Amino acid sequence: MRPPRTKKLLLVVDDSPTGRRIVSEALRAHGYDVITAEDGEQALDLAFRRKPNLIVLDIVLPKQNGFQVCRRLKAEPHTRQVKVVLLSSKILATDKQWGMKQGADGYVTKPFVLPELLAVIDQLLIEDQKAPESDSEQLVATGITEPENTET
């Protein structure tokens, strides 16, 4: 895969300094801008302030776990569209199902294979570029226009 055409901001959340460094360096080498957080509260703060295009989120975190963070992000109107990839050592199918039910857009298990992680991220960001930003844009994209206000 090739780096994205325009730089995208990714947030990497992992309580392990080594885990954060490995994922961050790989994503930077792939052409992304990266910011990091070490716990769930810091992740939410950065997500609300910086609104990254995508978050790579560990599940087992201090303060708030990845499931809680994902659920909160997807519940807030200004972060609902941010893509979330859970990256975890939890390998059971029920863990993945629960993560997706919390609103995650992707799930990759540790130890991860870099091309797999990059493929998931790239695909989600490509889909995000194709998705209309608002209901109005979606209507225009389908050729439907909103009714004009005809009140006098």
Protein backbone atom coordinates (compact mmCIF):
# COMPACT_ATOMS: atom_id res chain seq x y z
CA MET A 1 0.00 0.00 0.00
CA ARG A 2 1.12 3.54 -0.62
CA PRO A 3 0.91 6.42 1.86
CA PRO A 4 -2.25 8.53 1.77
CA ARG A 5 -2.35 11.50 -0.62
CA THR A 6 -2.98 14.01 2.12
CA LYS A 7 -1.60 13.61 5.61
CA LYS A 8 -4.11 12.18 8.01
CA LEU A 9 -3.91 12.56 11.79
CA LEU A 10 -3.97 9.29 13.72
CA LEU A 11 -4.16 8.85 17.49
CA VAL A 12 -2.39 5.79 18.91
CA VAL A 13 -3.55 4.78 22.39
CA ASP A 14 -1.60 2.15 24.33
CA ASP A 15 -0.49 2.04 27.96
CA SER A 16 2.74 0.32 26.91
CA PRO A 17 5.44 2.82 25.86
CA THR A 18 6.95 0.16 23.60
CA GLY A 19 3.59 -0.59 21.99
CA ARG A 20 2.93 3.11 21.37
CA ARG A 21 6.39 3.59 19.88
CA ILE A 22 6.21 0.57 17.55
CA VAL A 23 2.79 1.47 16.16
CA SER A 24 3.54 5.21 15.96
CA GLU A 25 6.83 4.74 14.12
CA ALA A 26 5.23 2.35 11.63
CA LEU A 27 2.37 4.76 10.93
CA ARG A 28 4.71 7.74 10.54
CA ALA A 29 6.83 5.72 8.11
CA HIS A 30 3.63 5.06 6.18
CA GLY A 31 2.99 8.80 5.82
CA TYR A 32 0.61 9.55 8.67
CA ASP A 33 0.85 12.28 11.32
CA VAL A 34 0.63 10.60 14.72
CA ILE A 35 -0.21 11.71 18.25
CA THR A 36 -0.25 9.35 21.23
CA ALA A 37 -2.04 8.76 24.52
CA GLU A 38 -1.26 6.34 27.34
CA ASP A 39 -4.69 5.95 28.97
CA GLY A 40 -8.38 6.23 28.19
CA GLU A 41 -8.91 9.70 29.67
CA GLN A 42 -5.96 11.16 27.76
CA ALA A 43 -7.28 9.49 24.59
CA LEU A 44 -10.70 11.13 24.98
CA ASP A 45 -9.15 14.52 25.71
CA LEU A 46 -6.95 14.36 22.60
CA ALA A 47 -9.77 13.01 20.44
CA PHE A 48 -12.12 15.83 21.47
CA ARG A 49 -9.48 18.55 21.03
CA ARG A 50 -7.61 17.33 17.92
CA LYS A 51 -10.31 15.22 16.19
CA PRO A 52 -8.00 12.68 14.53
CA ASN A 53 -9.11 10.92 11.35
CA LEU A 54 -8.58 7.52 12.99
CA ILE A 55 -7.73 6.10 16.40
CA VAL A 56 -5.72 2.92 16.99
CA LEU A 57 -6.99 1.92 20.42
CA ASP A 58 -5.77 -0.72 22.84
CA ILE A 59 -8.52 -2.30 24.95
CA VAL A 60 -6.72 -2.85 28.25
CA LEU A 61 -6.00 0.70 29.43
CA PRO A 62 -5.88 2.53 32.75
CA LYS A 63 -8.59 5.03 33.77
CA GLN A 64 -11.02 4.02 31.00
CA ASN A 65 -10.68 0.88 28.91
CA GLY A 66 -10.78 0.86 25.12
CA PHE A 67 -14.37 -0.34 24.99
CA GLN A 68 -15.48 2.59 27.18
CA VAL A 69 -13.45 5.07 25.11
CA CYS A 70 -14.87 3.74 21.85
CA ARG A 71 -18.43 3.87 23.15
CA ARG A 72 -17.98 7.47 24.33
CA LEU A 73 -16.40 8.58 21.03
CA LYS A 74 -19.24 7.08 19.00
CA ALA A 75 -21.85 8.67 21.29
CA GLU A 76 -20.54 12.23 20.82
CA PRO A 77 -21.68 14.08 17.68
CA HIS A 78 -18.29 15.71 17.03
CA THR A 79 -16.32 12.42 17.24
CA ARG A 80 -18.93 9.96 15.97
CA GLN A 81 -17.34 9.87 12.48
CA VAL A 82 -13.79 9.24 13.76
CA LYS A 83 -12.74 5.74 12.72
CA VAL A 84 -11.64 3.43 15.57
CA VAL A 85 -9.44 0.35 15.17
CA LEU A 86 -9.13 -1.76 18.28
CA LEU A 87 -5.63 -3.25 18.58
CA SER A 88 -5.55 -5.80 21.35
CA SER A 89 -4.10 -9.01 22.69
CA LYS A 90 -7.71 -10.15 23.30
CA ILE A 91 -8.05 -12.81 20.62
CA LEU A 92 -11.43 -14.40 21.34
CA ALA A 93 -14.21 -13.94 18.79
CA THR A 94 -16.44 -12.64 21.59
CA ASP A 95 -13.92 -9.85 22.29
CA LYS A 96 -13.99 -8.79 18.65
CA GLN A 97 -17.80 -8.97 18.54
CA TRP A 98 -18.07 -6.88 21.72
CA GLY A 99 -15.62 -4.32 20.31
CA MET A 100 -17.58 -3.97 17.10
CA LYS A 101 -20.79 -3.66 19.11
CA GLN A 102 -19.20 -0.71 20.98
CA GLY A 103 -18.78 1.05 17.64
CA ALA A 104 -15.28 0.01 16.53
CA ASP A 105 -14.71 0.10 12.79
CA GLY A 106 -11.92 -2.49 12.82
CA TYR A 107 -10.22 -5.01 15.09
CA VAL A 108 -6.63 -6.25 14.85
CA THR A 109 -5.05 -8.67 17.33
CA LYS A 110 -1.58 -8.44 18.90
CA PRO A 111 0.96 -9.45 18.02
CA PHE A 112 -0.03 -7.76 14.79
CA VAL A 113 1.38 -8.05 11.31
CA LEU A 114 2.17 -4.54 10.08
CA PRO A 115 0.75 -4.99 6.55
CA GLU A 116 -2.56 -6.18 8.06
CA LEU A 117 -2.81 -3.19 10.41
CA LEU A 118 -1.93 -0.77 7.61
CA ALA A 119 -4.45 -2.39 5.26
CA VAL A 120 -7.25 -1.99 7.82
CA ILE A 121 -6.30 1.65 8.48
CA ASP A 122 -5.89 2.52 4.80
CA GLN A 123 -9.22 0.90 3.90
CA LEU A 124 -11.11 2.75 6.64
CA LEU A 125 -9.59 6.07 5.61
CA ILE A 126 -10.42 5.44 1.95
CA GLU A 127 -14.02 4.64 2.93
CA ASP A 128 -14.07 7.78 5.08
CA GLN A 129 -13.01 9.91 2.10
CA LYS A 130 -15.86 8.50 0.03
CA ALA A 131 -18.51 9.05 2.74
CA PRO A 132 -20.44 12.34 2.66
CA GLU A 133 -19.76 14.55 5.69
CA SER A 134 -23.36 15.55 6.37
CA ASP A 135 -26.94 14.70 5.52
CA SER A 136 -27.05 17.69 3.14
CA GLU A 137 -23.98 16.45 1.28
CA GLN A 138 -25.51 12.97 1.08
CA LEU A 139 -28.68 14.42 -0.43
CA VAL A 140 -26.69 16.40 -2.99
CA ALA A 141 -24.60 13.33 -3.81
CA THR A 142 -27.80 11.42 -4.63
CA GLY A 143 -29.28 14.30 -6.62
CA ILE A 144 -31.92 15.12 -4.00
CA THR A 145 -32.10 18.66 -2.75
CA GLU A 146 -33.51 19.89 0.52
CA PRO A 147 -36.80 21.77 0.22
CA GLU A 148 -36.48 25.53 0.35
CA ASN A 149 -38.23 27.44 3.07
CA THR A 150 -41.37 28.75 1.35
CA GLU A 151 -42.92 30.49 4.34
CA THR A 152 -43.91 34.13 3.74
